[in-house]
Amino acid sequence: MKKFNIKKGDTVYVNAGNDKGKTGKVLEVIREKDRVLVEGINMVSKHAKPNPKNPQGGIVKQEAPIHISNVNLMDAAGKPTKVAHKVVDGKKVRIAKSTGEEIK
């Protein structure tokens, strides 16, 4: 299983693509394809048939996955940073390289 520095619920900065410069919250990490689903980023239009949830059907806007290499984790100060790992009290924690603080 692949290991990533980004987890569900993290705030990330998009550093490549049409949404470059935007930030968003990670909704899902797709490990098999090295991709993440970020809230409000890489929006696509999808044609939906009528169903009980959407009785009218039509065109629905939703997020599409983007490659994990195109996002950076945000530190507590709200700036993109690289990630280091450190063992603290017997647990492995993520550390922001730019500030040296622990990422929660």
PDB file of N, CA and C in Angstrom:
ATOM      1  N   MET A   1       0.844  -1.181   0.000  1.00  0.00           N
ATOM      2  CA  MET A   1       0.000   0.000   0.000  1.00  0.00           C
ATOM      3  C   MET A   1       0.888   1.243   0.000  1.00  0.00           C
ATOM      4  N   LYS A   2       0.529   2.209  -0.841  1.00  0.00           N
ATOM      5  CA  LYS A   2       1.304   3.429  -0.937  1.00  0.00           C
ATOM      6  C   LYS A   2       1.056   4.319   0.267  1.00  0.00           C
ATOM      7  N   LYS A   3       2.089   5.057   0.637  1.00  0.00           N
ATOM      8  CA  LYS A   3       1.983   5.995   1.760  1.00  0.00           C
ATOM      9  C   LYS A   3       2.028   7.408   1.217  1.00  0.00           C
ATOM     10  N   PHE A   4       1.086   8.229   1.666  1.00  0.00           N
ATOM     11  CA  PHE A   4       1.047   9.624   1.248  1.00  0.00           C
ATOM     12  C   PHE A   4       1.103  10.521   2.467  1.00  0.00           C
ATOM     13  N   ASN A   5       1.577  11.755   2.264  1.00  0.00           N
ATOM     14  CA  ASN A   5       1.636  12.731   3.342  1.00  0.00           C
ATOM     15  C   ASN A   5       0.311  13.458   3.514  1.00  0.00           C
ATOM     16  N   ILE A   6      -0.607  13.277   2.569  1.00  0.00           N
ATOM     17  CA  ILE A   6      -1.889  13.969   2.589  1.00  0.00           C
ATOM     18  C   ILE A   6      -2.982  12.996   2.992  1.00  0.00           C
ATOM     19  N   LYS A   7      -3.851  13.452   3.906  1.00  0.00           N
ATOM     20  CA  LYS A   7      -4.935  12.613   4.413  1.00  0.00           C
ATOM     21  C   LYS A   7      -6.269  13.310   4.192  1.00  0.00           C
ATOM     22  N   LYS A   8      -7.334  12.555   4.316  1.00  0.00           N
ATOM     23  CA  LYS A   8      -8.680  13.104   4.225  1.00  0.00           C
ATOM     24  C   LYS A   8      -8.868  14.155   5.318  1.00  0.00           C
ATOM     25  N   GLY A   9      -9.430  15.313   4.938  1.00  0.00           N
ATOM     26  CA  GLY A   9      -9.656  16.384   5.903  1.00  0.00           C
ATOM     27  C   GLY A   9      -8.571  17.445   5.928  1.00  0.00           C
ATOM     28  N   ASP A  10      -7.414  17.178   5.309  1.00  0.00           N
ATOM     29  CA  ASP A  10      -6.327  18.162   5.249  1.00  0.00           C
ATOM     30  C   ASP A  10      -6.702  19.305   4.313  1.00  0.00           C
ATOM     31  N   THR A  11      -6.144  20.481   4.562  1.00  0.00           N
ATOM     32  CA  THR A  11      -6.281  21.606   3.651  1.00  0.00           C
ATOM     33  C   THR A  11      -5.054  21.617   2.748  1.00  0.00           C
ATOM     34  N   VAL A  12      -5.296  21.701   1.432  1.00  0.00           N
ATOM     35  CA  VAL A  12      -4.198  21.645   0.474  1.00  0.00           C
ATOM     36  C   VAL A  12      -4.226  22.842  -0.461  1.00  0.00           C
ATOM     37  N   TYR A  13      -3.059  23.132  -1.046  1.00  0.00           N
ATOM     38  CA  TYR A  13      -2.866  24.199  -2.017  1.00  0.00           C
ATOM     39  C   TYR A  13      -2.612  23.539  -3.366  1.00  0.00           C
ATOM     40  N   VAL A  14      -3.316  23.975  -4.411  1.00  0.00           N
ATOM     41  CA  VAL A  14      -3.135  23.410  -5.753  1.00  0.00           C
ATOM     42  C   VAL A  14      -2.004  24.173  -6.434  1.00  0.00           C
ATOM     43  N   ASN A  15      -0.933  23.448  -6.826  1.00  0.00           N
ATOM     44  CA  ASN A  15       0.227  24.113  -7.410  1.00  0.00           C
ATOM     45  C   ASN A  15       0.375  23.880  -8.908  1.00  0.00           C
ATOM     46  N   ALA A  16      -0.610  23.232  -9.551  1.00  0.00           N
ATOM     47  CA  ALA A  16      -0.556  23.021 -10.997  1.00  0.00           C
ATOM     48  C   ALA A  16      -1.961  22.801 -11.534  1.00  0.00           C
ATOM     49  N   GLY A  17      -2.147  23.123 -12.813  1.00  0.00           N
ATOM     50  CA  GLY A  17      -3.433  22.894 -13.460  1.00  0.00           C
ATOM     51  C   GLY A  17      -4.275  24.149 -13.544  1.00  0.00           C
ATOM     52  N   ASN A  18      -5.527  23.990 -13.985  1.00  0.00           N
ATOM     53  CA  ASN A  18      -6.435  25.126 -14.176  1.00  0.00           C
ATOM     54  C   ASN A  18      -6.771  25.835 -12.873  1.00  0.00           C
ATOM     55  N   ASP A  19      -6.739  25.123 -11.766  1.00  0.00           N
ATOM     56  CA  ASP A  19      -7.097  25.694 -10.468  1.00  0.00           C
ATOM     57  C   ASP A  19      -5.864  26.083  -9.652  1.00  0.00           C
ATOM     58  N   LYS A  20      -4.749  26.331 -10.320  1.00  0.00           N
ATOM     59  CA  LYS A  20      -3.504  26.679  -9.635  1.00  0.00           C
ATOM     60  C   LYS A  20      -3.705  27.908  -8.746  1.00  0.00           C
ATOM     61  N   GLY A  21      -3.221  27.820  -7.493  1.00  0.00           N
ATOM     62  CA  GLY A  21      -3.324  28.933  -6.558  1.00  0.00           C
ATOM     63  C   GLY A  21      -4.510  28.833  -5.613  1.00  0.00           C
ATOM     64  N   LYS A  22      -5.426  27.913  -5.868  1.00  0.00           N
ATOM     65  CA  LYS A  22      -6.607  27.762  -5.009  1.00  0.00           C
ATOM     66  C   LYS A  22      -6.305  26.791  -3.876  1.00  0.00           C
ATOM     67  N   THR A  23      -7.100  26.866  -2.822  1.00  0.00           N
ATOM     68  CA  THR A  23      -6.969  25.925  -1.714  1.00  0.00           C
ATOM     69  C   THR A  23      -8.301  25.237  -1.491  1.00  0.00           C
ATOM     70  N   GLY A  24      -8.253  24.072  -0.873  1.00  0.00           N
ATOM     71  CA  GLY A  24      -9.471  23.332  -0.582  1.00  0.00           C
ATOM     72  C   GLY A  24      -9.208  22.209   0.386  1.00  0.00           C
ATOM     73  N   LYS A  25     -10.285  21.598   0.843  1.00  0.00           N
ATOM     74  CA  LYS A  25     -10.219  20.504   1.811  1.00  0.00           C
ATOM     75  C   LYS A  25     -10.277  19.178   1.070  1.00  0.00           C
ATOM     76  N   VAL A  26      -9.444  18.225   1.466  1.00  0.00           N
ATOM     77  CA  VAL A  26      -9.407  16.910   0.834  1.00  0.00           C
ATOM     78  C   VAL A  26     -10.634  16.110   1.266  1.00  0.00           C
ATOM     79  N   LEU A  27     -11.415  15.672   0.279  1.00  0.00           N
ATOM     80  CA  LEU A  27     -12.609  14.874   0.552  1.00  0.00           C
ATOM     81  C   LEU A  27     -12.298  13.379   0.543  1.00  0.00           C
ATOM     82  N   GLU A  28     -11.332  12.984  -0.302  1.00  0.00           N
ATOM     83  CA  GLU A  28     -11.018  11.565  -0.438  1.00  0.00           C
ATOM     84  C   GLU A  28      -9.623  11.411  -1.026  1.00  0.00           C
ATOM     85  N   VAL A  29      -8.900  10.374  -0.601  1.00  0.00           N
ATOM     86  CA  VAL A  29      -7.605  10.028  -1.172  1.00  0.00           C
ATOM     87  C   VAL A  29      -7.771   8.695  -1.889  1.00  0.00           C
ATOM     88  N   ILE A  30      -7.464   8.667  -3.191  1.00  0.00           N
ATOM     89  CA  ILE A  30      -7.590   7.450  -3.995  1.00  0.00           C
ATOM     90  C   ILE A  30      -6.190   6.893  -4.199  1.00  0.00           C
ATOM     91  N   ARG A  31      -5.791   5.966  -3.349  1.00  0.00           N
ATOM     92  CA  ARG A  31      -4.426   5.455  -3.314  1.00  0.00           C
ATOM     93  C   ARG A  31      -4.049   4.674  -4.575  1.00  0.00           C
ATOM     94  N   GLU A  32      -4.986   3.921  -5.135  1.00  0.00           N
ATOM     95  CA  GLU A  32      -4.683   3.086  -6.298  1.00  0.00           C
ATOM     96  C   GLU A  32      -4.263   3.917  -7.504  1.00  0.00           C
ATOM     97  N   LYS A  33      -4.798   5.132  -7.613  1.00  0.00           N
ATOM     98  CA  LYS A  33      -4.527   5.979  -8.770  1.00  0.00           C
ATOM     99  C   LYS A  33      -3.687   7.205  -8.435  1.00  0.00           C
ATOM    100  N   ASP A  34      -3.166   7.308  -7.211  1.00  0.00           N
ATOM    101  CA  ASP A  34      -2.346   8.449  -6.764  1.00  0.00           C
ATOM    102  C   ASP A  34      -3.084   9.772  -6.925  1.00  0.00           C
ATOM    103  N   ARG A  35      -4.355   9.807  -6.583  1.00  0.00           N
ATOM    104  CA  ARG A  35      -5.166  11.001  -6.795  1.00  0.00           C
ATOM    105  C   ARG A  35      -5.908  11.402  -5.529  1.00  0.00           C
ATOM    106  N   VAL A  36      -6.293  12.677  -5.482  1.00  0.00           N
ATOM    107  CA  VAL A  36      -7.085  13.189  -4.367  1.00  0.00           C
ATOM    108  C   VAL A  36      -8.293  13.939  -4.917  1.00  0.00           C
ATOM    109  N   LEU A  37      -9.366  13.924  -4.146  1.00  0.00           N
ATOM    110  CA  LEU A  37     -10.569  14.671  -4.469  1.00  0.00           C
ATOM    111  C   LEU A  37     -10.610  15.863  -3.534  1.00  0.00           C
ATOM    112  N   VAL A  38     -10.559  17.081  -4.101  1.00  0.00           N
ATOM    113  CA  VAL A  38     -10.478  18.300  -3.293  1.00  0.00           C
ATOM    114  C   VAL A  38     -11.762  19.108  -3.493  1.00  0.00           C
ATOM    115  N   GLU A  39     -12.315  19.575  -2.383  1.00  0.00           N
ATOM    116  CA  GLU A  39     -13.568  20.323  -2.385  1.00  0.00           C
ATOM    117  C   GLU A  39     -13.457  21.604  -3.215  1.00  0.00           C
ATOM    118  N   GLY A  40     -14.311  21.732  -4.244  1.00  0.00           N
ATOM    119  CA  GLY A  40     -14.364  22.932  -5.069  1.00  0.00           C
ATOM    120  C   GLY A  40     -13.266  23.059  -6.114  1.00  0.00           C
ATOM    121  N   ILE A  41     -12.436  22.036  -6.278  1.00  0.00           N
ATOM    122  CA  ILE A  41     -11.322  22.067  -7.229  1.00  0.00           C
ATOM    123  C   ILE A  41     -11.573  21.056  -8.345  1.00  0.00           C
ATOM    124  N   ASN A  42     -11.212  21.429  -9.588  1.00  0.00           N
ATOM    125  CA  ASN A  42     -11.357  20.568 -10.766  1.00  0.00           C
ATOM    126  C   ASN A  42     -12.820  20.155 -10.977  1.00  0.00           C
ATOM    127  N   MET A  43     -13.692  21.149 -11.012  1.00  0.00           N
ATOM    128  CA  MET A  43     -15.123  20.901 -11.189  1.00  0.00           C
ATOM    129  C   MET A  43     -15.411  20.494 -12.637  1.00  0.00           C
ATOM    130  N   VAL A  44     -16.215  19.451 -12.806  1.00  0.00           N
ATOM    131  CA  VAL A  44     -16.613  18.980 -14.131  1.00  0.00           C
ATOM    132  C   VAL A  44     -18.132  18.901 -14.198  1.00  0.00           C
ATOM    133  N   SER A  45     -18.667  18.961 -15.421  1.00  0.00           N
ATOM    134  CA  SER A  45     -20.106  18.823 -15.632  1.00  0.00           C
ATOM    135  C   SER A  45     -20.411  17.385 -15.982  1.00  0.00           C
ATOM    136  N   LYS A  46     -21.375  16.793 -15.300  1.00  0.00           N
ATOM    137  CA  LYS A  46     -21.734  15.397 -15.517  1.00  0.00           C
ATOM    138  C   LYS A  46     -23.221  15.343 -15.839  1.00  0.00           C
ATOM    139  N   HIS A  47     -23.571  14.633 -16.883  1.00  0.00           N
ATOM    140  CA  HIS A  47     -24.978  14.476 -17.267  1.00  0.00           C
ATOM    141  C   HIS A  47     -25.582  13.373 -16.411  1.00  0.00           C
ATOM    142  N   ALA A  48     -26.677  13.684 -15.719  1.00  0.00           N
ATOM    143  CA  ALA A  48     -27.286  12.727 -14.800  1.00  0.00           C
ATOM    144  C   ALA A  48     -28.706  12.395 -15.242  1.00  0.00           C
ATOM    145  N   LYS A  49     -29.017  11.110 -15.237  1.00  0.00           N
ATOM    146  CA  LYS A  49     -30.381  10.680 -15.510  1.00  0.00           C
ATOM    147  C   LYS A  49     -31.253  10.988 -14.296  1.00  0.00           C
ATOM    148  N   PRO A  50     -32.551  11.133 -14.512  1.00  0.00           N
ATOM    149  CA  PRO A  50     -33.433  11.327 -13.356  1.00  0.00           C
ATOM    150  C   PRO A  50     -33.362  10.124 -12.412  1.00  0.00           C
ATOM    151  N   ASN A  51     -33.288  10.397 -11.117  1.00  0.00           N
ATOM    152  CA  ASN A  51     -33.280   9.341 -10.104  1.00  0.00           C
ATOM    153  C   ASN A  51     -33.988   9.875  -8.868  1.00  0.00           C
ATOM    154  N   PRO A  52     -34.212   9.033  -7.860  1.00  0.00           N
ATOM    155  CA  PRO A  52     -34.931   9.513  -6.664  1.00  0.00           C
ATOM    156  C   PRO A  52     -34.259  10.709  -5.984  1.00  0.00           C
ATOM    157  N   LYS A  53     -32.926  10.757  -6.011  1.00  0.00           N
ATOM    158  CA  LYS A  53     -32.208  11.863  -5.382  1.00  0.00           C
ATOM    159  C   LYS A  53     -32.338  13.142  -6.209  1.00  0.00           C
ATOM    160  N   ASN A  54     -32.324  13.014  -7.517  1.00  0.00           N
ATOM    161  CA  ASN A  54     -32.411  14.142  -8.441  1.00  0.00           C
ATOM    162  C   ASN A  54     -33.503  13.839  -9.476  1.00  0.00           C
ATOM    163  N   PRO A  55     -34.796  14.082  -9.141  1.00  0.00           N
ATOM    164  CA  PRO A  55     -35.893  13.667 -10.022  1.00  0.00           C
ATOM    165  C   PRO A  55     -35.889  14.363 -11.387  1.00  0.00           C
ATOM    166  N   GLN A  56     -35.310  15.548 -11.472  1.00  0.00           N
ATOM    167  CA  GLN A  56     -35.305  16.295 -12.726  1.00  0.00           C
ATOM    168  C   GLN A  56     -34.198  15.799 -13.670  1.00  0.00           C
ATOM    169  N   GLY A  57     -33.088  15.306 -13.111  1.00  0.00           N
ATOM    170  CA  GLY A  57     -31.948  14.931 -13.940  1.00  0.00           C
ATOM    171  C   GLY A  57     -31.211  16.178 -14.393  1.00  0.00           C
ATOM    172  N   GLY A  58     -30.518  16.117 -15.514  1.00  0.00           N
ATOM    173  CA  GLY A  58     -29.843  17.290 -16.072  1.00  0.00           C
ATOM    174  C   GLY A  58     -28.347  17.254 -15.865  1.00  0.00           C
ATOM    175  N   ILE A  59     -27.732  18.435 -15.901  1.00  0.00           N
ATOM    176  CA  ILE A  59     -26.278  18.551 -15.788  1.00  0.00           C
ATOM    177  C   ILE A  59     -25.911  18.901 -14.351  1.00  0.00           C
ATOM    178  N   VAL A  60     -25.014  18.101 -13.767  1.00  0.00           N
ATOM    179  CA  VAL A  60     -24.608  18.262 -12.372  1.00  0.00           C
ATOM    180  C   VAL A  60     -23.120  18.600 -12.336  1.00  0.00           C
ATOM    181  N   LYS A  61     -22.750  19.593 -11.533  1.00  0.00           N
ATOM    182  CA  LYS A  61     -21.337  19.946 -11.343  1.00  0.00           C
ATOM    183  C   LYS A  61     -20.796  19.151 -10.162  1.00  0.00           C
ATOM    184  N   GLN A  62     -19.620  18.538 -10.341  1.00  0.00           N
ATOM    185  CA  GLN A  62     -18.997  17.798  -9.247  1.00  0.00           C
ATOM    186  C   GLN A  62     -17.483  17.831  -9.395  1.00  0.00           C
ATOM    187  N   GLU A  63     -16.789  17.497  -8.290  1.00  0.00           N
ATOM    188  CA  GLU A  63     -15.335  17.496  -8.291  1.00  0.00           C
ATOM    189  C   GLU A  63     -14.808  16.250  -8.983  1.00  0.00           C
ATOM    190  N   ALA A  64     -13.703  16.416  -9.707  1.00  0.00           N
ATOM    191  CA  ALA A  64     -13.005  15.279 -10.302  1.00  0.00           C
ATOM    192  C   ALA A  64     -11.657  15.163  -9.597  1.00  0.00           C
ATOM    193  N   PRO A  65     -11.108  13.941  -9.520  1.00  0.00           N
ATOM    194  CA  PRO A  65      -9.823  13.762  -8.837  1.00  0.00           C
ATOM    195  C   PRO A  65      -8.676  14.448  -9.580  1.00  0.00           C
ATOM    196  N   ILE A  66      -7.684  14.928  -8.814  1.00  0.00           N
ATOM    197  CA  ILE A  66      -6.457  15.464  -9.401  1.00  0.00           C
ATOM    198  C   ILE A  66      -5.269  14.699  -8.821  1.00  0.00           C
ATOM    199  N   HIS A  67      -4.173  14.701  -9.555  1.00  0.00           N
ATOM    200  CA  HIS A  67      -3.008  13.928  -9.124  1.00  0.00           C
ATOM    201  C   HIS A  67      -2.426  14.520  -7.848  1.00  0.00           C
ATOM    202  N   ILE A  68      -1.978  13.635  -6.964  1.00  0.00           N
ATOM    203  CA  ILE A  68      -1.495  14.053  -5.642  1.00  0.00           C
ATOM    204  C   ILE A  68      -0.227  14.913  -5.747  1.00  0.00           C
ATOM    205  N   SER A  69       0.513  14.797  -6.855  1.00  0.00           N
ATOM    206  CA  SER A  69       1.718  15.609  -7.023  1.00  0.00           C
ATOM    207  C   SER A  69       1.382  17.064  -7.320  1.00  0.00           C
ATOM    208  N   ASN A  70       0.134  17.351  -7.665  1.00  0.00           N
ATOM    209  CA  ASN A  70      -0.281  18.718  -7.986  1.00  0.00           C
ATOM    210  C   ASN A  70      -0.830  19.479  -6.788  1.00  0.00           C
ATOM    211  N   VAL A  71      -0.714  18.908  -5.591  1.00  0.00           N
ATOM    212  CA  VAL A  71      -1.169  19.598  -4.381  1.00  0.00           C
ATOM    213  C   VAL A  71      -0.076  19.582  -3.323  1.00  0.00           C
ATOM    214  N   ASN A  72      -0.061  20.626  -2.487  1.00  0.00           N
ATOM    215  CA  ASN A  72       0.853  20.723  -1.347  1.00  0.00           C
ATOM    216  C   ASN A  72       0.026  20.899  -0.090  1.00  0.00           C
ATOM    217  N   LEU A  73       0.481  20.325   0.985  1.00  0.00           N
ATOM    218  CA  LEU A  73      -0.179  20.471   2.271  1.00  0.00           C
ATOM    219  C   LEU A  73       0.019  21.880   2.799  1.00  0.00           C
ATOM    220  N   MET A  74      -0.992  22.425   3.476  1.00  0.00           N
ATOM    221  CA  MET A  74      -0.898  23.766   4.055  1.00  0.00           C
ATOM    222  C   MET A  74      -0.487  23.639   5.520  1.00  0.00           C
ATOM    223  N   ASP A  75       0.390  24.542   5.977  1.00  0.00           N
ATOM    224  CA  ASP A  75       0.779  24.544   7.386  1.00  0.00           C
ATOM    225  C   ASP A  75      -0.195  25.398   8.188  1.00  0.00           C
ATOM    226  N   ALA A  76       0.062  25.553   9.477  1.00  0.00           N
ATOM    227  CA  ALA A  76      -0.836  26.308  10.359  1.00  0.00           C
ATOM    228  C   ALA A  76      -0.924  27.773   9.966  1.00  0.00           C
ATOM    229  N   ALA A  77       0.128  28.309   9.336  1.00  0.00           N
ATOM    230  CA  ALA A  77       0.137  29.714   8.926  1.00  0.00           C
ATOM    231  C   ALA A  77      -0.616  29.935   7.617  1.00  0.00           C
ATOM    232  N   GLY A  78      -1.061  28.853   6.974  1.00  0.00           N
ATOM    233  CA  GLY A  78      -1.802  28.979   5.725  1.00  0.00           C
ATOM    234  C   GLY A  78      -0.928  29.068   4.495  1.00  0.00           C
ATOM    235  N   LYS A  79       0.306  28.540   4.580  1.00  0.00           N
ATOM    236  CA  LYS A  79       1.212  28.545   3.440  1.00  0.00           C
ATOM    237  C   LYS A  79       1.521  27.107   3.043  1.00  0.00           C
ATOM    238  N   PRO A  80       1.726  26.865   1.730  1.00  0.00           N
ATOM    239  CA  PRO A  80       2.068  25.503   1.302  1.00  0.00           C
ATOM    240  C   PRO A  80       3.442  25.102   1.833  1.00  0.00           C
ATOM    241  N   THR A  81       3.566  23.822   2.193  1.00  0.00           N
ATOM    242  CA  THR A  81       4.813  23.343   2.774  1.00  0.00           C
ATOM    243  C   THR A  81       5.065  21.899   2.391  1.00  0.00           C
ATOM    244  N   LYS A  82       6.309  21.482   2.499  1.00  0.00           N
ATOM    245  CA  LYS A  82       6.663  20.070   2.365  1.00  0.00           C
ATOM    246  C   LYS A  82       6.485  19.433   3.731  1.00  0.00           C
ATOM    247  N   VAL A  83       6.509  18.103   3.765  1.00  0.00           N
ATOM    248  CA  VAL A  83       6.222  17.385   5.000  1.00  0.00           C
ATOM    249  C   VAL A  83       7.404  16.509   5.398  1.00  0.00           C
ATOM    250  N   ALA A  84       7.725  16.541   6.681  1.00  0.00           N
ATOM    251  CA  ALA A  84       8.719  15.642   7.266  1.00  0.00           C
ATOM    252  C   ALA A  84       8.004  14.799   8.318  1.00  0.00           C
ATOM    253  N   HIS A  85       8.630  13.731   8.731  1.00  0.00           N
ATOM    254  CA  HIS A  85       8.048  12.872   9.766  1.00  0.00           C
ATOM    255  C   HIS A  85       9.002  12.801  10.947  1.00  0.00           C
ATOM    256  N   LYS A  86       8.432  12.740  12.142  1.00  0.00           N
ATOM    257  CA  LYS A  86       9.226  12.664  13.356  1.00  0.00           C
ATOM    258  C   LYS A  86       8.472  11.797  14.355  1.00  0.00           C
ATOM    259  N   VAL A  87       9.214  11.068  15.184  1.00  0.00           N
ATOM    260  CA  VAL A  87       8.583  10.257  16.215  1.00  0.00           C
ATOM    261  C   VAL A  87       8.539  11.066  17.507  1.00  0.00           C
ATOM    262  N   VAL A  88       7.326  11.302  18.016  1.00  0.00           N
ATOM    263  CA  VAL A  88       7.116  12.052  19.246  1.00  0.00           C
ATOM    264  C   VAL A  88       6.275  11.188  20.188  1.00  0.00           C
ATOM    265  N   ASP A  89       6.796  10.912  21.364  1.00  0.00           N
ATOM    266  CA  ASP A  89       6.114  10.077  22.359  1.00  0.00           C
ATOM    267  C   ASP A  89       5.695   8.723  21.780  1.00  0.00           C
ATOM    268  N   GLY A  90       6.552   8.145  20.942  1.00  0.00           N
ATOM    269  CA  GLY A  90       6.281   6.827  20.389  1.00  0.00           C
ATOM    270  C   GLY A  90       5.313   6.820  19.221  1.00  0.00           C
ATOM    271  N   LYS A  91       4.871   8.001  18.755  1.00  0.00           N
ATOM    272  CA  LYS A  91       3.966   8.085  17.616  1.00  0.00           C
ATOM    273  C   LYS A  91       4.630   8.872  16.499  1.00  0.00           C
ATOM    274  N   LYS A  92       4.399   8.431  15.261  1.00  0.00           N
ATOM    275  CA  LYS A  92       4.935   9.118  14.102  1.00  0.00           C
ATOM    276  C   LYS A  92       4.006  10.278  13.751  1.00  0.00           C
ATOM    277  N   VAL A  93       4.526  11.493  13.706  1.00  0.00           N
ATOM    278  CA  VAL A  93       3.711  12.670  13.410  1.00  0.00           C
ATOM    279  C   VAL A  93       4.275  13.399  12.187  1.00  0.00           C
ATOM    280  N   ARG A  94       3.409  14.171  11.527  1.00  0.00           N
ATOM    281  CA  ARG A  94       3.817  14.970  10.379  1.00  0.00           C
ATOM    282  C   ARG A  94       4.270  16.351  10.857  1.00  0.00           C
ATOM    283  N   ILE A  95       5.391  16.810  10.311  1.00  0.00           N
ATOM    284  CA  ILE A  95       5.967  18.101  10.669  1.00  0.00           C
ATOM    285  C   ILE A  95       6.058  18.955   9.403  1.00  0.00           C
ATOM    286  N   ALA A  96       5.644  20.230   9.490  1.00  0.00           N
ATOM    287  CA  ALA A  96       5.787  21.161   8.369  1.00  0.00           C
ATOM    288  C   ALA A  96       7.243  21.578   8.267  1.00  0.00           C
ATOM    289  N   LYS A  97       7.848  21.392   7.092  1.00  0.00           N
ATOM    290  CA  LYS A  97       9.268  21.728   6.939  1.00  0.00           C
ATOM    291  C   LYS A  97       9.503  23.231   7.016  1.00  0.00           C
ATOM    292  N   SER A  98       8.524  24.034   6.596  1.00  0.00           N
ATOM    293  CA  SER A  98       8.718  25.486   6.574  1.00  0.00           C
ATOM    294  C   SER A  98       8.735  26.090   7.980  1.00  0.00           C
ATOM    295  N   THR A  99       7.899  25.573   8.879  1.00  0.00           N
ATOM    296  CA  THR A  99       7.814  26.162  10.227  1.00  0.00           C
ATOM    297  C   THR A  99       8.335  25.240  11.319  1.00  0.00           C
ATOM    298  N   GLY A 100       8.395  23.947  11.049  1.00  0.00           N
ATOM    299  CA  GLY A 100       8.834  22.997  12.062  1.00  0.00           C
ATOM    300  C   GLY A 100       7.733  22.588  13.035  1.00  0.00           C
ATOM    301  N   GLU A 101       6.482  23.067  12.797  1.00  0.00           N
ATOM    302  CA  GLU A 101       5.379  22.737  13.676  1.00  0.00           C
ATOM    303  C   GLU A 101       4.706  21.439  13.250  1.00  0.00           C
ATOM    304  N   GLU A 102       4.041  20.821  14.213  1.00  0.00           N
ATOM    305  CA  GLU A 102       3.312  19.592  13.943  1.00  0.00           C
ATOM    306  C   GLU A 102       2.042  19.903  13.161  1.00  0.00           C
ATOM    307  N   ILE A 103       1.744  19.057  12.180  1.00  0.00           N
ATOM    308  CA  ILE A 103       0.514  19.215  11.397  1.00  0.00           C
ATOM    309  C   ILE A 103      -0.558  18.346  12.028  1.00  0.00           C
ATOM    310  N   LYS A 104      -1.661  18.957  12.391  1.00  0.00           N
ATOM    311  CA  LYS A 104      -2.745  18.217  13.042  1.00  0.00           C
ATOM    312  C   LYS A 104      -3.667  17.618  12.018  1.00  0.00           C
TER     313      LYS A 104
END
